[in-house]
Amino acid sequence: MRKDIHPDYHDVTVACACGSTFKTRSTYKSEVLHLEICSSCHPFFTGKQKLVDSAGRVERFQKKYAAFRKGRAEASAAGKSSGAGS
């Protein structure tokens, strides 16, 4: 095997913009790795995630097409009672 082809794997301190720091091991060239967001301040991990209101969109769709479905249901009911089976 060839020698000295692998990068140096050493301890690194990770520092987030929120002030959180922790130690890990990495091949990063510096001793401190600066991040903008980490698991301590990311909305997904903190539970402060903003969810998309999909229920409002479904209700808006149903309201928009309610007249179409109503007209179609009346037409199929009229068709069954007038000519089916005679």
Foldseek 3Di string as FASTA:
>chain_A
DDPPPDADKAKAWEAEPVGDIDIDIDSDPDRYHYYDDDLVPDCVNVVVDDDDPVVVVVVVVCVVCVVVVVVVVVVVVVVCVPDPPD
